[in-house]
């Protein structure tokens, strides 16, 4: 290590101690921080609770200029920005739910270059007013961080098509900046298999990225899959878990808003203190439930997949999937909320019996997901034939309900390129063929029915050479 590297390491350790009170880094935090300070692109796969946010917050705070943090959820942004502001650090956020006055104040801070970190969603980043501010040649931008980057893969093709345009952001910004300006891009996620890593790298146009991958294996997290033979039996099994864990912090994951409300009502009538959490609640209601859960006023929440992402609660002792997730990446994210303090915790998934005769709900949900995806592909195929070969995203989105999704799917099948984040070019002939099957959904089904060590299955699925043949703490090993 040369003199300048030694000095840099000393500086970042000093800053780490000064802001967060830690004496040293956890592996591989130091290497990631050094990489981002040297403005190298990076792809970081680290387990939930591994300390990802420090890896990009610290470099941002050590440099003059702005770092943009593109984040999928309001709760996630607010949680991280609150922690930074509590430490008197120059961070802010922008999202559609903010009052106008607060948005205006943040834009003023941006103009005056008084921010080091600005958190925003992909959609806010690409909104006209914000984009114009970011293109100001005087505004120095050091880097763009994509937090929870697996959302680009899970949601980018259909649910959140703005994700697919993020690769065009850096070149467009650089056109407005002084000659020689560098803007690094780093993607952070807890779950990305080799295919997802490839997609993230391609979509973001990462340039020779430094790659950091950490094994998601957690010895204190015990995995279990239980068959629920009937809907009534499923509820009883859930009740057994809750009663066996009195006063312990937990999470119950369901698939839909209605499921969360129905289950919360049933458990409340039985005398349990709980709440339903989903995207249909107002921002105020969501924040209140999060705070009540964090402060143990509510021991457990019945939630859809958005809950818990980036919310720092180390003492979760149990996670129950009342319904199995559709994707293995979702599953690993959600079980990763448990046992972040290193103490023994359990993750239980309830599934229907294999035939689905007595309780067909799981099979119906799987079928609904696949049919919805095929419908998106089919609509996009029809619509794509009507679109101009060159055009503007906002015009297409105004004219056609699923216009942005059609463009996104064309991009995912390499039939479209972004000329900039707002304009596209289609390369005919157009072929958007719905897949015959969905490998990601099949991967989840295989996990739920496997007889091998569950941890070994997960590690293999996410591209880690597993040294585990029997973990000793999943239901199959025991």
Protein backbone atom coordinates (compact mmCIF):
# COMPACT_ATOMS: atom_id res chain seq x y z
CA UNK A 1 0.00 0.00 0.00
CA UNK A 2 1.58 3.36 -1.06
CA UNK A 3 1.60 6.57 0.99
CA UNK A 4 -1.51 8.14 -0.62
CA UNK A 5 -3.50 4.90 -0.12
CA UNK A 6 -2.41 4.75 3.54
CA UNK A 7 -3.47 8.38 4.05
CA UNK A 8 -6.83 7.72 2.34
CA UNK A 9 -7.46 4.66 4.52
CA UNK A 10 -6.66 6.69 7.62
CA UNK A 11 -9.02 9.47 6.48
CA UNK A 12 -11.95 7.14 5.80
CA UNK A 13 -11.46 5.33 9.14
CA UNK A 14 -11.41 8.71 10.92
CA UNK A 15 -14.64 9.74 9.15
CA UNK A 16 -16.26 6.38 9.95
CA UNK A 17 -15.47 6.83 13.66
CA UNK A 18 -16.53 10.50 13.63
CA UNK A 19 -19.95 9.91 12.00
CA UNK A 20 -21.00 6.38 13.00
CA UNK A 21 -18.75 5.66 15.99
CA UNK A 22 -17.29 2.46 14.48
CA UNK A 23 -13.56 1.76 14.94
CA UNK A 24 -13.23 -0.22 11.74
CA UNK A 25 -15.07 -1.62 8.74
CA UNK A 26 -16.69 -5.00 8.21
CA UNK A 27 -15.44 -6.90 5.17
CA UNK A 28 -15.73 -5.82 2.35
CA UNK A 29 -16.88 -2.27 3.30
CA UNK A 30 -13.42 -0.64 3.19
CA UNK A 31 -12.69 -1.95 -0.32
CA UNK A 32 -16.09 -0.73 -1.57
CA UNK A 33 -15.62 2.75 -0.03
CA UNK A 34 -12.12 3.04 -1.58
CA UNK A 35 -13.49 1.93 -4.96
CA UNK A 36 -16.28 4.56 -4.91
CA UNK A 37 -13.93 7.35 -3.77
CA UNK A 38 -11.70 6.53 -6.76
CA UNK A 39 -14.88 6.86 -8.90
CA UNK A 40 -14.91 3.32 -10.23
CA UNK A 41 -18.20 1.71 -11.23
CA UNK A 42 -19.25 -1.09 -8.89
CA UNK A 43 -21.73 -3.92 -8.44
CA UNK A 44 -22.20 -4.84 -4.78
CA UNK A 45 -24.14 -7.90 -3.60
CA UNK A 46 -24.25 -7.95 0.21
CA UNK A 47 -26.77 -9.63 2.53
CA UNK A 48 -29.51 -7.66 4.29
CA UNK A 49 -28.00 -6.06 7.39
CA UNK A 50 -24.46 -6.20 5.94
CA UNK A 51 -23.97 -2.42 6.15
CA UNK A 52 -24.48 -1.46 2.49
CA UNK A 53 -25.64 2.12 3.09
CA UNK A 54 -22.40 3.17 4.84
CA UNK A 55 -20.50 1.98 1.74
CA UNK A 56 -22.02 4.73 -0.43
CA UNK A 57 -22.87 7.34 2.22
CA UNK A 58 -19.28 7.64 3.48
CA UNK A 59 -17.67 8.36 0.06
CA UNK A 60 -20.46 10.88 -0.69
CA UNK A 61 -19.81 12.73 2.57
CA UNK A 62 -16.02 12.77 2.01
CA UNK A 63 -16.26 14.44 -1.40
CA UNK A 64 -17.39 17.87 -2.53
CA UNK A 65 -20.32 17.61 -4.92
CA UNK A 66 -23.48 15.54 -5.02
CA UNK A 67 -24.22 11.82 -4.98
CA UNK A 68 -27.64 10.74 -6.25
CA UNK A 69 -29.18 7.72 -4.51
CA UNK A 70 -31.90 6.13 -6.63
CA UNK A 71 -34.15 4.17 -4.31
CA UNK A 72 -37.42 2.27 -4.91
CA UNK A 73 -39.46 3.06 -1.80
CA UNK A 74 -40.42 6.19 0.11
CA UNK A 75 -40.08 4.39 3.47
CA UNK A 76 -36.55 3.32 2.58
CA UNK A 77 -35.52 6.86 1.57
CA UNK A 78 -37.11 8.48 4.60
CA UNK A 79 -35.50 6.00 6.98
CA UNK A 80 -31.98 6.59 5.61
CA UNK A 81 -32.33 10.38 5.27
CA UNK A 82 -33.69 10.70 8.82
CA UNK A 83 -30.66 8.81 10.19
CA UNK A 84 -28.31 11.11 8.24
CA UNK A 85 -30.12 14.29 9.28
CA UNK A 86 -30.14 13.17 12.93
CA UNK A 87 -26.35 13.26 12.59
CA UNK A 88 -26.53 16.79 11.08
CA UNK A 89 -25.38 15.54 7.66
CA UNK A 90 -26.25 17.28 4.33
CA UNK A 91 -28.80 14.83 2.91
CA UNK A 92 -32.31 15.28 1.48
CA UNK A 93 -34.95 13.39 -0.45
CA UNK A 94 -37.42 14.08 -3.22
CA UNK A 95 -40.54 12.05 -3.95
CA UNK A 96 -44.09 12.61 -5.18
CA UNK A 97 -45.68 12.38 -1.70
CA UNK A 98 -43.74 15.36 -0.28
CA UNK A 99 -45.52 18.68 0.38
CA UNK A 100 -44.72 21.34 -2.28
CA UNK A 101 -42.92 23.53 0.25
CA UNK A 102 -40.52 20.72 1.19
CA UNK A 103 -39.83 19.94 -2.48
CA UNK A 104 -39.09 23.61 -3.13
CA UNK A 105 -36.69 23.78 -0.15
CA UNK A 106 -34.79 20.71 -1.38
CA UNK A 107 -34.51 22.13 -4.90
CA UNK A 108 -33.15 25.35 -3.37
CA UNK A 109 -30.49 23.37 -1.47
CA UNK A 110 -29.63 21.67 -4.77
CA UNK A 111 -29.21 25.03 -6.50
CA UNK A 112 -26.94 26.27 -3.71
CA UNK A 113 -24.91 23.00 -3.84
CA UNK A 114 -25.49 22.43 -0.13
CA UNK A 115 -26.30 18.71 -0.41
CA UNK A 116 -23.96 15.72 -0.47
CA UNK A 117 -26.67 13.05 -0.81
CA UNK A 118 -29.99 13.33 -2.62
CA UNK A 119 -32.38 10.37 -2.44
CA UNK A 120 -35.02 10.00 -5.17
CA UNK A 121 -37.01 7.37 -7.05
CA UNK A 122 -36.30 6.57 -10.73
CA UNK A 123 -39.53 8.39 -11.65
CA UNK A 124 -38.57 11.55 -9.69
CA UNK A 125 -35.04 11.52 -11.14
CA UNK A 126 -36.59 11.57 -14.63
CA UNK A 127 -39.21 14.23 -13.85
CA UNK A 128 -38.74 17.45 -15.84
CA UNK A 129 -38.12 19.92 -12.99
CA UNK A 130 -35.58 17.71 -11.20
CA UNK A 131 -33.81 16.72 -14.42
CA UNK A 132 -33.35 20.36 -15.44
CA UNK A 133 -31.71 21.10 -12.05
CA UNK A 134 -29.38 18.11 -12.34
CA UNK A 135 -28.28 19.16 -15.83
CA UNK A 136 -26.99 22.52 -14.53
CA UNK A 137 -23.33 22.59 -15.71
CA UNK A 138 -22.28 24.17 -12.38
CA UNK A 139 -23.78 21.33 -10.30
CA UNK A 140 -21.04 18.80 -9.57
CA UNK A 141 -22.32 15.21 -9.52
CA UNK A 142 -19.83 12.58 -8.34
CA UNK A 143 -21.88 9.45 -8.56
CA UNK A 144 -25.20 7.67 -8.99
CA UNK A 145 -26.08 4.89 -6.57
CA UNK A 146 -28.83 2.41 -7.39
CA UNK A 147 -29.97 1.07 -4.01
CA UNK A 148 -31.95 -2.20 -3.88
CA UNK A 149 -30.85 -2.80 -7.48
CA UNK A 150 -32.75 -6.12 -7.71
CA UNK A 151 -35.89 -3.94 -8.16
CA UNK A 152 -34.58 -3.06 -11.63
CA UNK A 153 -34.80 -6.76 -12.53
CA UNK A 154 -38.03 -7.55 -10.64
CA UNK A 155 -39.99 -4.44 -11.62
CA UNK A 156 -38.18 -2.78 -14.56
CA UNK A 157 -39.93 -4.56 -17.43
CA UNK A 158 -43.50 -3.88 -16.35
CA UNK A 159 -44.35 -2.42 -12.93
CA UNK A 160 -41.73 0.40 -12.86
CA UNK A 161 -40.59 0.94 -16.48
CA UNK A 162 -38.52 4.05 -15.55
CA UNK A 163 -35.86 1.63 -14.23
CA UNK A 164 -35.08 0.55 -17.80
CA UNK A 165 -34.12 4.15 -18.73
CA UNK A 166 -31.48 4.58 -16.02
CA UNK A 167 -28.60 3.47 -18.25
CA UNK A 168 -29.11 6.60 -20.38
CA UNK A 169 -28.81 8.96 -17.37
CA UNK A 170 -25.01 9.17 -17.05
CA UNK A 171 -24.22 9.93 -20.73
CA UNK A 172 -27.03 12.55 -20.81
CA UNK A 173 -25.75 14.27 -17.64
CA UNK A 174 -22.14 14.25 -18.89
CA UNK A 175 -23.18 16.16 -22.04
CA UNK A 176 -24.15 19.05 -19.74
CA UNK A 177 -21.06 18.94 -17.52
CA UNK A 178 -17.55 20.37 -18.04
CA UNK A 179 -15.09 18.42 -20.19
CA UNK A 180 -13.37 15.61 -18.25
CA UNK A 181 -16.15 15.20 -15.65
CA UNK A 182 -16.50 11.67 -14.26
CA UNK A 183 -19.69 10.23 -12.78
CA UNK A 184 -19.43 6.76 -11.25
CA UNK A 185 -22.37 4.37 -11.00
CA UNK A 186 -22.70 1.72 -8.29
CA UNK A 187 -25.50 -0.82 -7.87
CA UNK A 188 -26.21 -2.27 -4.41
CA UNK A 189 -28.46 -5.23 -3.63
CA UNK A 190 -28.84 -8.10 -1.20
CA UNK A 191 -30.11 -10.53 -3.83
CA UNK A 192 -28.99 -10.93 -7.41
CA UNK A 193 -28.24 -14.25 -9.07
CA UNK A 194 -25.81 -14.36 -12.00
CA UNK A 195 -28.55 -13.52 -14.55
CA UNK A 196 -29.77 -10.57 -12.47
CA UNK A 197 -26.18 -9.29 -12.10
CA UNK A 198 -25.80 -9.44 -15.88
CA UNK A 199 -29.07 -7.51 -16.41
CA UNK A 200 -28.13 -4.81 -13.88
CA UNK A 201 -24.68 -4.39 -15.48
CA UNK A 202 -26.17 -4.14 -19.00
CA UNK A 203 -29.08 -1.82 -18.20
CA UNK A 204 -26.96 0.60 -16.14
CA UNK A 205 -24.12 0.42 -18.69
CA UNK A 206 -21.57 -0.21 -15.93
CA UNK A 207 -18.02 0.25 -17.21
CA UNK A 208 -15.57 -2.45 -16.02
CA UNK A 209 -17.25 -2.49 -12.59
CA UNK A 210 -15.49 -3.62 -9.44
CA UNK A 211 -17.59 -6.57 -8.25
CA UNK A 212 -18.11 -7.31 -4.57
CA UNK A 213 -20.16 -10.38 -3.64
CA UNK A 214 -20.80 -11.58 -0.13
CA UNK A 215 -22.27 -14.93 0.74
CA UNK A 216 -25.86 -14.56 2.12
CA UNK A 217 -25.48 -17.57 4.46
CA UNK A 218 -26.57 -16.86 8.04
CA UNK A 219 -25.88 -19.55 10.61
CA UNK A 220 -28.37 -18.05 13.06
CA UNK A 221 -31.27 -18.13 10.60
CA UNK A 222 -33.25 -21.40 10.65
CA UNK A 223 -35.27 -22.18 7.51
CA UNK A 224 -38.45 -24.22 7.50
CA UNK A 225 -41.22 -25.03 4.98
CA UNK A 226 -44.51 -26.40 6.35
CA UNK A 227 -47.44 -27.85 4.45
CA UNK A 228 -50.82 -26.33 5.34
CA UNK A 229 -53.42 -28.84 4.18
CA UNK A 230 -56.39 -26.44 4.29
CA UNK A 231 -56.93 -22.64 4.53
CA UNK A 232 -58.10 -23.17 8.13
CA UNK A 233 -54.98 -25.22 8.88
CA UNK A 234 -52.79 -22.46 7.43
CA UNK A 235 -54.28 -19.94 9.85
CA UNK A 236 -53.85 -22.36 12.77
CA UNK A 237 -50.16 -22.92 11.91
CA UNK A 238 -49.63 -19.16 11.86
CA UNK A 239 -51.37 -18.85 15.21
CA UNK A 240 -49.09 -21.57 16.64
CA UNK A 241 -46.01 -19.53 15.65
CA UNK A 242 -47.40 -16.29 17.15
CA UNK A 243 -48.35 -18.01 20.40
CA UNK A 244 -44.94 -19.67 20.65
CA UNK A 245 -43.20 -16.26 20.27
CA UNK A 246 -45.01 -13.95 22.71
CA UNK A 247 -43.68 -10.37 22.77
CA UNK A 248 -41.05 -11.23 20.12
CA UNK A 249 -40.72 -9.01 17.05
CA UNK A 250 -41.88 -10.66 13.83
CA UNK A 251 -43.15 -10.16 10.28
CA UNK A 252 -45.89 -11.98 8.36
CA UNK A 253 -45.66 -11.71 4.56
CA UNK A 254 -48.72 -12.11 2.34
CA UNK A 255 -49.20 -11.58 -1.40
CA UNK A 256 -51.99 -8.98 -1.66
CA UNK A 257 -53.46 -5.95 0.12
CA UNK A 258 -56.71 -7.79 0.72
CA UNK A 259 -54.85 -10.72 2.31
CA UNK A 260 -53.03 -8.37 4.70
CA UNK A 261 -56.26 -6.64 5.76
CA UNK A 262 -58.25 -9.86 6.18
CA UNK A 263 -55.52 -11.52 8.24
CA UNK A 264 -54.99 -8.41 10.39
CA UNK A 265 -58.72 -8.22 11.11
CA UNK A 266 -58.86 -11.93 12.05
CA UNK A 267 -55.85 -11.69 14.39
CA UNK A 268 -57.10 -8.42 15.95
CA UNK A 269 -60.45 -10.11 16.71
CA UNK A 270 -58.48 -12.85 18.48
CA UNK A 271 -56.90 -10.20 20.72
CA UNK A 272 -53.53 -9.70 18.99
CA UNK A 273 -52.04 -6.24 18.47
CA UNK A 274 -51.11 -5.99 14.80
CA UNK A 275 -51.65 -3.98 11.60
CA UNK A 276 -51.95 -4.50 7.85
CA UNK A 277 -49.25 -2.77 5.78
CA UNK A 278 -49.43 -2.31 2.01
CA UNK A 279 -48.96 0.27 -0.75
CA UNK A 280 -52.63 1.29 -0.62
CA UNK A 281 -52.19 3.05 2.75
CA UNK A 282 -51.46 6.78 2.96
CA UNK A 283 -47.81 7.80 3.62
CA UNK A 284 -48.81 8.90 7.14
CA UNK A 285 -50.43 5.53 7.90
CA UNK A 286 -47.39 3.64 6.62
CA UNK A 287 -44.94 5.76 8.67
CA UNK A 288 -47.07 5.29 11.79
CA UNK A 289 -47.15 1.49 11.43
CA UNK A 290 -43.37 1.40 10.80
CA UNK A 291 -42.73 3.50 13.91
CA UNK A 292 -45.07 1.41 16.07
CA UNK A 293 -43.31 -1.76 14.89
CA UNK A 294 -39.81 -0.30 15.40
CA UNK A 295 -40.71 0.78 18.94
CA UNK A 296 -42.41 -2.59 19.72
CA UNK A 297 -45.89 -1.05 20.19
CA UNK A 298 -46.89 -3.57 17.50
CA UNK A 299 -44.95 -6.86 17.89
CA UNK A 300 -45.66 -8.02 14.32
CA UNK A 301 -47.03 -6.58 11.06
CA UNK A 302 -48.93 -8.35 8.25
CA UNK A 303 -47.37 -6.93 5.12
CA UNK A 304 -46.84 -7.15 1.40
CA UNK A 305 -43.32 -7.33 -0.05
CA UNK A 306 -42.50 -3.61 0.25
CA UNK A 307 -42.32 -3.63 4.05
CA UNK A 308 -38.98 -3.79 5.79
CA UNK A 309 -36.75 -2.90 2.84
CA UNK A 310 -34.01 -0.75 4.36
CA UNK A 311 -35.81 -0.38 7.72
CA UNK A 312 -33.24 -0.96 10.42
CA UNK A 313 -34.71 -3.36 13.00
CA UNK A 314 -32.05 -5.83 14.18
CA UNK A 315 -34.22 -7.75 16.69
CA UNK A 316 -36.65 -9.56 14.36
CA UNK A 317 -36.89 -13.09 15.78
CA UNK A 318 -39.29 -14.64 13.25
CA UNK A 319 -40.57 -14.20 9.71
CA UNK A 320 -43.55 -16.17 8.42
CA UNK A 321 -44.47 -16.31 4.74
CA UNK A 322 -48.20 -16.94 5.05
CA UNK A 323 -48.06 -17.26 1.26
CA UNK A 324 -44.83 -18.25 -0.51
CA UNK A 325 -43.22 -15.45 -2.56
CA UNK A 326 -43.19 -15.78 -6.33
CA UNK A 327 -39.44 -15.21 -6.66
CA UNK A 328 -36.43 -16.57 -4.78
CA UNK A 329 -34.86 -13.09 -4.72
CA UNK A 330 -37.94 -11.77 -2.86
CA UNK A 331 -37.73 -14.68 -0.42
CA UNK A 332 -34.05 -14.07 0.43
CA UNK A 333 -34.73 -10.34 0.87
CA UNK A 334 -37.63 -11.00 3.22
CA UNK A 335 -36.11 -13.75 5.38
CA UNK A 336 -33.04 -11.51 5.65
CA UNK A 337 -35.05 -9.16 7.87
CA UNK A 338 -34.76 -11.75 10.68
CA UNK A 339 -31.81 -12.15 13.03
CA UNK A 340 -29.76 -9.18 11.90
CA UNK A 341 -28.35 -8.98 15.44
CA UNK A 342 -26.80 -12.45 15.03
CA UNK A 343 -29.17 -14.17 17.47
CA UNK A 344 -31.19 -17.29 16.62
CA UNK A 345 -34.20 -16.56 14.43
CA UNK A 346 -36.59 -18.58 12.30
CA UNK A 347 -38.08 -18.17 8.81
CA UNK A 348 -41.16 -20.33 8.16
CA UNK A 349 -42.94 -20.63 4.82
CA UNK A 350 -46.46 -22.11 4.65
CA UNK A 351 -47.37 -23.88 1.41
CA UNK A 352 -50.38 -25.79 0.08
CA UNK A 353 -50.14 -29.56 -0.25
CA UNK A 354 -48.59 -30.50 -3.63
CA UNK A 355 -51.81 -31.32 -5.54
CA UNK A 356 -53.60 -28.11 -4.55
CA UNK A 357 -56.92 -30.01 -4.23
CA UNK A 358 -57.64 -29.00 -0.64
CA UNK A 359 -56.20 -25.48 -0.87
CA UNK A 360 -55.69 -24.26 -4.46
CA UNK A 361 -54.72 -20.67 -3.49
CA UNK A 362 -50.95 -21.01 -4.02
CA UNK A 363 -51.44 -22.50 -7.48
CA UNK A 364 -54.00 -19.83 -8.34
CA UNK A 365 -51.59 -17.06 -7.31
CA UNK A 366 -48.80 -18.58 -9.41
CA UNK A 367 -51.15 -18.87 -12.40
CA UNK A 368 -52.40 -15.30 -11.94
CA UNK A 369 -48.80 -13.99 -11.92
CA UNK A 370 -47.90 -15.88 -15.10
CA UNK A 371 -51.09 -14.84 -16.91
CA UNK A 372 -50.54 -11.20 -15.94
CA UNK A 373 -46.98 -11.32 -17.32
CA UNK A 374 -48.18 -12.92 -20.57
CA UNK A 375 -50.88 -10.27 -20.84
CA UNK A 376 -48.22 -7.51 -20.53
CA UNK A 377 -46.16 -9.13 -23.30
CA UNK A 378 -49.20 -9.59 -25.53
CA UNK A 379 -50.38 -5.98 -25.07
CA UNK A 380 -46.86 -4.69 -25.68
CA UNK A 381 -46.59 -6.76 -28.89
CA UNK A 382 -49.82 -5.24 -30.26
CA UNK A 383 -48.97 -1.72 -29.14
CA UNK A 384 -45.35 -1.78 -30.33
CA UNK A 385 -46.53 -2.18 -33.94
CA UNK A 386 -48.39 1.16 -33.67
CA UNK A 387 -45.52 3.15 -32.15
CA UNK A 388 -43.33 5.52 -34.17
CA UNK A 389 -39.83 4.14 -34.71
CA UNK A 390 -38.41 7.21 -32.95
CA UNK A 391 -40.19 9.15 -30.27
CA UNK A 392 -40.50 10.57 -26.77
CA UNK A 393 -41.45 8.44 -23.76
CA UNK A 394 -43.85 10.97 -22.18
CA UNK A 395 -45.79 11.39 -25.45
CA UNK A 396 -46.17 7.60 -25.84
CA UNK A 397 -47.19 7.22 -22.16
CA UNK A 398 -49.88 9.95 -22.59
CA UNK A 399 -51.26 8.42 -25.78
CA UNK A 400 -51.25 4.77 -24.65
CA UNK A 401 -52.02 3.40 -21.18
CA UNK A 402 -49.28 0.75 -21.37
CA UNK A 403 -46.96 2.72 -23.66
CA UNK A 404 -44.07 3.00 -21.18
CA UNK A 405 -44.29 -0.74 -20.44
CA UNK A 406 -44.21 -1.57 -24.18
CA UNK A 407 -41.03 0.52 -24.58
CA UNK A 408 -39.51 -1.15 -21.53
CA UNK A 409 -40.21 -4.65 -22.85
CA UNK A 410 -38.77 -3.69 -26.26
CA UNK A 411 -35.62 -2.55 -24.45
CA UNK A 412 -35.43 -5.79 -22.43
CA UNK A 413 -35.59 -7.81 -25.69
CA UNK A 414 -32.83 -5.65 -27.33
CA UNK A 415 -35.21 -4.12 -29.89
CA UNK A 416 -34.98 -0.58 -28.55
CA UNK A 417 -32.21 1.79 -27.48
CA UNK A 418 -32.52 4.96 -25.42
CA UNK A 419 -31.09 7.95 -27.26
CA UNK A 420 -31.27 9.72 -23.87
CA UNK A 421 -33.51 9.06 -20.82
CA UNK A 422 -36.51 10.58 -22.64
CA UNK A 423 -36.16 9.56 -26.31
CA UNK A 424 -36.00 6.13 -27.92
CA UNK A 425 -35.19 4.43 -31.22
CA UNK A 426 -36.87 1.10 -32.14
CA UNK A 427 -35.04 -1.45 -34.32
CA UNK A 428 -37.64 -3.36 -36.40
CA UNK A 429 -38.84 -6.04 -36.99
CA UNK A 430 -40.68 -6.11 -33.66
CA UNK A 431 -41.05 -9.43 -31.84
CA UNK A 432 -42.15 -9.45 -28.20
CA UNK A 433 -42.90 -13.10 -27.55
CA UNK A 434 -44.32 -14.05 -24.14
CA UNK A 435 -42.09 -16.71 -22.54
CA UNK A 436 -43.55 -20.22 -22.49
CA UNK A 437 -42.60 -20.49 -18.82
CA UNK A 438 -41.04 -18.30 -16.15
CA UNK A 439 -37.77 -19.82 -14.87
CA UNK A 440 -37.65 -17.47 -11.84
CA UNK A 441 -41.04 -18.69 -10.61
CA UNK A 442 -40.06 -22.33 -11.22
CA UNK A 443 -36.87 -21.79 -9.20
CA UNK A 444 -38.98 -20.77 -6.18
CA UNK A 445 -41.21 -23.84 -6.54
CA UNK A 446 -38.14 -26.09 -6.65
CA UNK A 447 -36.80 -24.50 -3.46
CA UNK A 448 -40.07 -25.11 -1.62
CA UNK A 449 -40.13 -28.80 -2.60
CA UNK A 450 -36.41 -29.64 -2.49
CA UNK A 451 -35.16 -32.41 -0.21
CA UNK A 452 -31.58 -31.04 -0.15
CA UNK A 453 -30.20 -28.60 2.42
CA UNK A 454 -32.16 -25.36 1.93
CA UNK A 455 -29.14 -23.13 2.52
CA UNK A 456 -27.13 -25.14 0.00
CA UNK A 457 -29.94 -24.68 -2.55
CA UNK A 458 -30.03 -20.89 -1.96
CA UNK A 459 -26.26 -20.49 -2.20
CA UNK A 460 -26.11 -22.46 -5.47
CA UNK A 461 -29.04 -20.45 -6.90
CA UNK A 462 -27.24 -17.17 -6.22
CA UNK A 463 -23.96 -18.29 -7.74
CA UNK A 464 -21.96 -19.08 -4.61
CA UNK A 465 -19.91 -22.26 -4.59
CA UNK A 466 -21.46 -23.87 -1.54
CA UNK A 467 -19.21 -25.49 1.00
CA UNK A 468 -22.35 -26.57 2.87
CA UNK A 469 -23.86 -29.99 2.23
CA UNK A 470 -25.81 -30.02 5.51
CA UNK A 471 -26.30 -26.74 7.36
CA UNK A 472 -27.81 -28.47 10.39
CA UNK A 473 -30.43 -25.75 10.90
CA UNK A 474 -33.00 -26.08 8.13
CA UNK A 475 -35.93 -28.51 8.25
CA UNK A 476 -34.35 -30.82 5.65
CA UNK A 477 -31.08 -31.13 7.57
CA UNK A 478 -32.79 -31.65 10.89
